[in-house]
Amino acid sequence: MITIYHNPRCSKSRAACELVAGTYNSANEPTEVVEYLKQPLTVDELKKLNAQLGCPVRDMIRDTEAEYKELNLADPSLTDAELFDAVAKHPILLQRPIVVRGGRAVIGRPPENVAALFA
């Protein structure tokens, strides 16, 4: 199963979906596309996704969004729990797209990053 956390308004997210469907998923594995702005992830789901990414929580967060500044998320004293909570409450903060396959995940910026899941 391939899961793509997707924002259809984002060109990088659309490109990653196209790469998975047209190039990398030659075995036609089932694919679920989750529009995370319509179906926000819970804190527990974000923690699981973070473990699959194997990166610091901050790497999952878009620091260019207005909410990032408004919530003062650049503050280095914030805990991972506080960061997860902010993303759960403001899903626009989640990096996009994120593709999950075989228990591993990558952030598809650039979209070609998803190739690592199919190597």
N, C-alpha and C. Protein backbone atom coordinates (compact mmCIF):
# COMPACT_ATOMS: atom_id res chain seq x y z
N MET A 1 0.84 -1.18 0.00
CA MET A 1 0.00 0.00 0.00
C MET A 1 0.88 1.24 0.00
N ILE A 2 0.55 2.16 -0.86
CA ILE A 2 1.23 3.45 -0.94
C ILE A 2 0.24 4.49 -0.45
N THR A 3 0.68 5.37 0.45
CA THR A 3 -0.16 6.46 0.92
C THR A 3 0.53 7.77 0.58
N ILE A 4 -0.24 8.68 0.00
CA ILE A 4 0.30 9.99 -0.35
C ILE A 4 -0.51 11.04 0.41
N TYR A 5 0.16 11.80 1.26
CA TYR A 5 -0.46 12.92 1.95
C TYR A 5 -0.31 14.11 1.02
N HIS A 6 -1.44 14.57 0.51
CA HIS A 6 -1.48 15.39 -0.69
C HIS A 6 -2.29 16.66 -0.49
N ASN A 7 -1.81 17.73 -1.12
CA ASN A 7 -2.56 18.98 -1.22
C ASN A 7 -2.70 19.25 -2.72
N PRO A 8 -3.90 19.12 -3.27
CA PRO A 8 -4.07 19.26 -4.71
C PRO A 8 -3.74 20.65 -5.25
N ARG A 9 -3.64 21.64 -4.38
CA ARG A 9 -3.31 23.00 -4.83
C ARG A 9 -1.80 23.20 -4.97
N CYS A 10 -1.02 22.22 -4.53
CA CYS A 10 0.45 22.33 -4.54
C CYS A 10 1.02 21.61 -5.77
N SER A 11 1.80 22.34 -6.56
CA SER A 11 2.37 21.75 -7.78
C SER A 11 3.33 20.60 -7.46
N LYS A 12 4.10 20.71 -6.37
CA LYS A 12 5.03 19.63 -6.00
C LYS A 12 4.25 18.38 -5.60
N SER A 13 3.16 18.58 -4.91
CA SER A 13 2.33 17.47 -4.49
C SER A 13 1.68 16.78 -5.70
N ARG A 14 1.18 17.57 -6.63
CA ARG A 14 0.61 16.99 -7.85
C ARG A 14 1.66 16.23 -8.64
N ALA A 15 2.86 16.80 -8.72
CA ALA A 15 3.95 16.14 -9.47
C ALA A 15 4.33 14.81 -8.83
N ALA A 16 4.37 14.77 -7.50
CA ALA A 16 4.70 13.52 -6.81
C ALA A 16 3.64 12.46 -7.07
N CYS A 17 2.37 12.85 -7.05
CA CYS A 17 1.29 11.90 -7.35
C CYS A 17 1.44 11.35 -8.76
N GLU A 18 1.76 12.22 -9.70
CA GLU A 18 1.94 11.79 -11.08
C GLU A 18 3.13 10.84 -11.22
N LEU A 19 4.23 11.13 -10.52
CA LEU A 19 5.40 10.25 -10.58
C LEU A 19 5.09 8.87 -10.01
N VAL A 20 4.38 8.84 -8.88
CA VAL A 20 4.03 7.55 -8.29
C VAL A 20 3.14 6.78 -9.26
N ALA A 21 2.09 7.42 -9.76
CA ALA A 21 1.13 6.73 -10.63
C ALA A 21 1.74 6.34 -11.97
N GLY A 22 2.55 7.21 -12.55
CA GLY A 22 3.00 6.98 -13.91
C GLY A 22 4.38 6.38 -14.07
N THR A 23 5.21 6.50 -13.06
CA THR A 23 6.60 6.07 -13.21
C THR A 23 7.01 5.00 -12.21
N TYR A 24 6.84 5.28 -10.93
CA TYR A 24 7.41 4.42 -9.89
C TYR A 24 6.55 3.22 -9.53
N ASN A 25 5.25 3.33 -9.64
CA ASN A 25 4.38 2.25 -9.19
C ASN A 25 4.07 1.28 -10.33
N SER A 26 5.12 0.70 -10.89
CA SER A 26 4.96 -0.21 -12.02
C SER A 26 4.24 -1.50 -11.63
N ALA A 27 4.26 -1.84 -10.34
CA ALA A 27 3.58 -3.05 -9.87
C ALA A 27 2.10 -2.79 -9.56
N ASN A 28 1.65 -1.56 -9.80
CA ASN A 28 0.25 -1.19 -9.55
C ASN A 28 -0.21 -1.49 -8.13
N GLU A 29 0.65 -1.16 -7.16
CA GLU A 29 0.27 -1.32 -5.76
C GLU A 29 -0.92 -0.42 -5.45
N PRO A 30 -1.78 -0.85 -4.54
CA PRO A 30 -2.89 0.02 -4.14
C PRO A 30 -2.35 1.34 -3.59
N THR A 31 -2.99 2.43 -3.97
CA THR A 31 -2.53 3.75 -3.55
C THR A 31 -3.70 4.52 -2.94
N GLU A 32 -3.44 5.08 -1.77
CA GLU A 32 -4.43 5.93 -1.11
C GLU A 32 -3.90 7.36 -1.12
N VAL A 33 -4.71 8.27 -1.60
CA VAL A 33 -4.35 9.68 -1.59
C VAL A 33 -5.17 10.35 -0.50
N VAL A 34 -4.48 10.91 0.48
CA VAL A 34 -5.13 11.55 1.62
C VAL A 34 -4.96 13.06 1.48
N GLU A 35 -6.08 13.75 1.29
CA GLU A 35 -6.03 15.22 1.27
C GLU A 35 -6.06 15.68 2.72
N TYR A 36 -4.87 15.86 3.27
CA TYR A 36 -4.74 16.10 4.71
C TYR A 36 -5.34 17.43 5.18
N LEU A 37 -5.63 18.35 4.27
CA LEU A 37 -6.32 19.57 4.68
C LEU A 37 -7.80 19.28 4.95
N LYS A 38 -8.35 18.27 4.27
CA LYS A 38 -9.74 17.86 4.49
C LYS A 38 -9.83 16.79 5.57
N GLN A 39 -8.77 16.00 5.71
CA GLN A 39 -8.70 14.92 6.70
C GLN A 39 -7.43 15.11 7.53
N PRO A 40 -7.45 16.07 8.46
CA PRO A 40 -6.23 16.34 9.24
C PRO A 40 -5.77 15.12 10.03
N LEU A 41 -4.47 15.00 10.16
CA LEU A 41 -3.89 13.90 10.92
C LEU A 41 -3.96 14.23 12.41
N THR A 42 -4.13 13.19 13.21
CA THR A 42 -4.11 13.35 14.66
C THR A 42 -2.65 13.42 15.12
N VAL A 43 -2.46 13.78 16.37
CA VAL A 43 -1.11 13.81 16.92
C VAL A 43 -0.47 12.42 16.82
N ASP A 44 -1.23 11.37 17.13
CA ASP A 44 -0.68 10.01 17.05
C ASP A 44 -0.30 9.65 15.62
N GLU A 45 -1.12 10.03 14.65
CA GLU A 45 -0.79 9.76 13.25
C GLU A 45 0.45 10.54 12.83
N LEU A 46 0.57 11.76 13.29
CA LEU A 46 1.76 12.57 12.97
C LEU A 46 3.01 11.95 13.58
N LYS A 47 2.91 11.43 14.79
CA LYS A 47 4.06 10.78 15.43
C LYS A 47 4.49 9.54 14.64
N LYS A 48 3.52 8.76 14.20
CA LYS A 48 3.83 7.57 13.40
C LYS A 48 4.50 7.97 12.09
N LEU A 49 3.95 8.98 11.45
CA LEU A 49 4.52 9.48 10.19
C LEU A 49 5.94 9.98 10.41
N ASN A 50 6.15 10.67 11.51
CA ASN A 50 7.49 11.18 11.84
C ASN A 50 8.48 10.03 12.02
N ALA A 51 8.06 8.96 12.67
CA ALA A 51 8.93 7.80 12.85
C ALA A 51 9.27 7.17 11.49
N GLN A 52 8.31 7.13 10.59
CA GLN A 52 8.56 6.58 9.26
C GLN A 52 9.50 7.47 8.45
N LEU A 53 9.40 8.77 8.66
CA LEU A 53 10.29 9.70 7.98
C LEU A 53 11.70 9.64 8.56
N GLY A 54 11.79 9.39 9.86
CA GLY A 54 13.10 9.33 10.51
C GLY A 54 13.80 10.69 10.54
N CYS A 55 13.03 11.74 10.77
CA CYS A 55 13.60 13.09 10.76
C CYS A 55 13.13 13.85 12.00
N PRO A 56 13.77 14.96 12.31
CA PRO A 56 13.26 15.81 13.39
C PRO A 56 11.86 16.32 13.04
N VAL A 57 11.05 16.52 14.06
CA VAL A 57 9.68 17.02 13.84
C VAL A 57 9.70 18.30 13.02
N ARG A 58 10.64 19.17 13.29
CA ARG A 58 10.70 20.46 12.59
C ARG A 58 10.84 20.28 11.08
N ASP A 59 11.42 19.19 10.63
CA ASP A 59 11.57 18.95 9.19
C ASP A 59 10.22 18.66 8.52
N MET A 60 9.22 18.31 9.31
CA MET A 60 7.88 18.03 8.79
C MET A 60 7.04 19.30 8.65
N ILE A 61 7.56 20.41 9.16
CA ILE A 61 6.77 21.63 9.26
C ILE A 61 7.18 22.64 8.20
N ARG A 62 6.18 23.21 7.55
CA ARG A 62 6.41 24.26 6.56
C ARG A 62 6.60 25.58 7.29
N ASP A 63 7.80 26.12 7.22
CA ASP A 63 8.09 27.36 7.94
C ASP A 63 7.76 28.61 7.13
N THR A 64 7.17 28.41 5.95
CA THR A 64 6.80 29.55 5.10
C THR A 64 5.34 29.94 5.25
N GLU A 65 4.59 29.17 6.02
CA GLU A 65 3.16 29.46 6.21
C GLU A 65 2.97 30.55 7.26
N ALA A 66 1.94 31.36 7.09
CA ALA A 66 1.64 32.43 8.04
C ALA A 66 1.43 31.89 9.45
N GLU A 67 0.83 30.72 9.56
CA GLU A 67 0.59 30.12 10.88
C GLU A 67 1.88 29.84 11.63
N TYR A 68 2.93 29.53 10.89
CA TYR A 68 4.22 29.26 11.52
C TYR A 68 4.67 30.48 12.32
N LYS A 69 4.58 31.64 11.69
CA LYS A 69 4.98 32.88 12.36
C LYS A 69 4.00 33.25 13.46
N GLU A 70 2.70 33.15 13.16
CA GLU A 70 1.67 33.52 14.13
C GLU A 70 1.77 32.69 15.41
N LEU A 71 2.12 31.43 15.28
CA LEU A 71 2.22 30.53 16.43
C LEU A 71 3.61 30.53 17.07
N ASN A 72 4.51 31.34 16.51
CA ASN A 72 5.89 31.44 17.02
C ASN A 72 6.58 30.06 17.07
N LEU A 73 6.40 29.29 16.00
CA LEU A 73 6.96 27.93 15.97
C LEU A 73 8.46 27.91 15.76
N ALA A 74 9.06 29.03 15.46
CA ALA A 74 10.52 29.08 15.35
C ALA A 74 11.18 29.04 16.73
N ASP A 75 10.41 29.23 17.77
CA ASP A 75 10.93 29.22 19.14
C ASP A 75 11.61 27.88 19.42
N PRO A 76 12.93 27.86 19.65
CA PRO A 76 13.63 26.60 19.85
C PRO A 76 13.27 25.89 21.17
N SER A 77 12.59 26.59 22.06
CA SER A 77 12.23 25.95 23.33
C SER A 77 10.97 25.09 23.22
N LEU A 78 10.28 25.15 22.07
CA LEU A 78 9.07 24.33 21.91
C LEU A 78 9.43 22.85 21.88
N THR A 79 8.62 22.05 22.54
CA THR A 79 8.85 20.61 22.57
C THR A 79 8.27 19.95 21.33
N ASP A 80 8.68 18.72 21.08
CA ASP A 80 8.10 17.97 19.97
C ASP A 80 6.59 17.85 20.14
N ALA A 81 6.14 17.63 21.38
CA ALA A 81 4.70 17.51 21.63
C ALA A 81 3.97 18.78 21.23
N GLU A 82 4.54 19.92 21.51
CA GLU A 82 3.92 21.20 21.13
C GLU A 82 3.90 21.37 19.62
N LEU A 83 4.96 20.92 18.95
CA LEU A 83 5.03 21.02 17.50
C LEU A 83 4.01 20.09 16.84
N PHE A 84 3.92 18.85 17.33
CA PHE A 84 2.92 17.92 16.80
C PHE A 84 1.52 18.48 16.99
N ASP A 85 1.26 19.05 18.15
CA ASP A 85 -0.05 19.63 18.44
C ASP A 85 -0.38 20.76 17.47
N ALA A 86 0.61 21.60 17.19
CA ALA A 86 0.40 22.72 16.26
C ALA A 86 0.04 22.21 14.87
N VAL A 87 0.73 21.18 14.40
CA VAL A 87 0.46 20.65 13.06
C VAL A 87 -0.91 19.97 13.03
N ALA A 88 -1.26 19.28 14.10
CA ALA A 88 -2.58 18.63 14.16
C ALA A 88 -3.70 19.67 14.10
N LYS A 89 -3.50 20.80 14.75
CA LYS A 89 -4.52 21.85 14.78
C LYS A 89 -4.49 22.73 13.53
N HIS A 90 -3.33 22.79 12.86
CA HIS A 90 -3.15 23.63 11.67
C HIS A 90 -2.49 22.79 10.58
N PRO A 91 -3.26 21.91 9.92
CA PRO A 91 -2.66 20.97 8.97
C PRO A 91 -1.93 21.63 7.80
N ILE A 92 -2.19 22.89 7.53
CA ILE A 92 -1.47 23.59 6.45
C ILE A 92 0.03 23.61 6.73
N LEU A 93 0.41 23.40 7.98
CA LEU A 93 1.83 23.42 8.37
C LEU A 93 2.58 22.16 7.95
N LEU A 94 1.87 21.09 7.61
CA LEU A 94 2.54 19.84 7.25
C LEU A 94 3.22 19.96 5.89
N GLN A 95 4.48 19.54 5.84
CA GLN A 95 5.19 19.50 4.55
C GLN A 95 4.39 18.65 3.58
N ARG A 96 4.49 18.98 2.31
CA ARG A 96 3.77 18.23 1.30
C ARG A 96 4.61 18.06 0.06
N PRO A 97 4.37 17.00 -0.62
CA PRO A 97 3.63 15.82 -0.21
C PRO A 97 4.51 14.92 0.65
N ILE A 98 3.88 14.00 1.34
CA ILE A 98 4.61 12.95 2.04
C ILE A 98 4.09 11.64 1.48
N VAL A 99 5.02 10.78 1.05
CA VAL A 99 4.65 9.49 0.47
C VAL A 99 5.17 8.40 1.40
N VAL A 100 4.29 7.43 1.68
CA VAL A 100 4.61 6.32 2.57
C VAL A 100 4.48 5.01 1.79
N ARG A 101 5.48 4.15 1.97
CA ARG A 101 5.45 2.82 1.34
C ARG A 101 6.35 1.90 2.14
N GLY A 102 5.85 0.71 2.43
CA GLY A 102 6.67 -0.30 3.11
C GLY A 102 7.21 0.15 4.46
N GLY A 103 6.44 0.92 5.18
CA GLY A 103 6.87 1.36 6.52
C GLY A 103 7.85 2.51 6.51
N ARG A 104 8.19 3.02 5.33
CA ARG A 104 9.09 4.17 5.23
C ARG A 104 8.36 5.31 4.57
N ALA A 105 8.84 6.53 4.80
CA ALA A 105 8.21 7.70 4.21
C ALA A 105 9.28 8.69 3.77
N VAL A 106 8.92 9.52 2.79
CA VAL A 106 9.78 10.61 2.34
C VAL A 106 8.92 11.84 2.08
N ILE A 107 9.55 12.98 2.24
CA ILE A 107 8.91 14.23 1.85
C ILE A 107 9.25 14.45 0.38
N GLY A 108 8.24 14.62 -0.43
CA GLY A 108 8.43 14.74 -1.87
C GLY A 108 8.73 16.14 -2.35
N ARG A 109 9.72 16.76 -1.76
CA ARG A 109 10.21 18.07 -2.17
C ARG A 109 11.71 17.95 -2.34
N PRO A 110 12.19 17.79 -3.51
CA PRO A 110 11.49 17.77 -4.79
C PRO A 110 10.75 16.44 -4.99
N PRO A 111 9.81 16.40 -5.92
CA PRO A 111 9.01 15.19 -6.13
C PRO A 111 9.84 13.94 -6.40
N GLU A 112 10.99 14.11 -7.00
CA GLU A 112 11.85 12.95 -7.31
C GLU A 112 12.34 12.23 -6.05
N ASN A 113 12.22 12.84 -4.89
CA ASN A 113 12.59 12.16 -3.63
C ASN A 113 11.83 10.86 -3.43
N VAL A 114 10.63 10.76 -3.99
CA VAL A 114 9.82 9.54 -3.78
C VAL A 114 10.46 8.32 -4.41
N ALA A 115 11.38 8.50 -5.34
CA ALA A 115 12.05 7.36 -5.97
C ALA A 115 12.75 6.48 -4.95
N ALA A 116 13.20 7.06 -3.84
CA ALA A 116 13.89 6.29 -2.80
C ALA A 116 13.02 5.19 -2.24
N LEU A 117 11.71 5.33 -2.27
CA LEU A 117 10.81 4.33 -1.73
C LEU A 117 10.62 3.14 -2.69
N PHE A 118 11.08 3.29 -3.92
CA PHE A 118 10.88 2.27 -4.93
C PHE A 118 12.18 1.62 -5.38
N ALA A 119 13.28 1.99 -4.73
CA ALA A 119 14.60 1.45 -5.12
C ALA A 119 14.80 0.05 -4.59
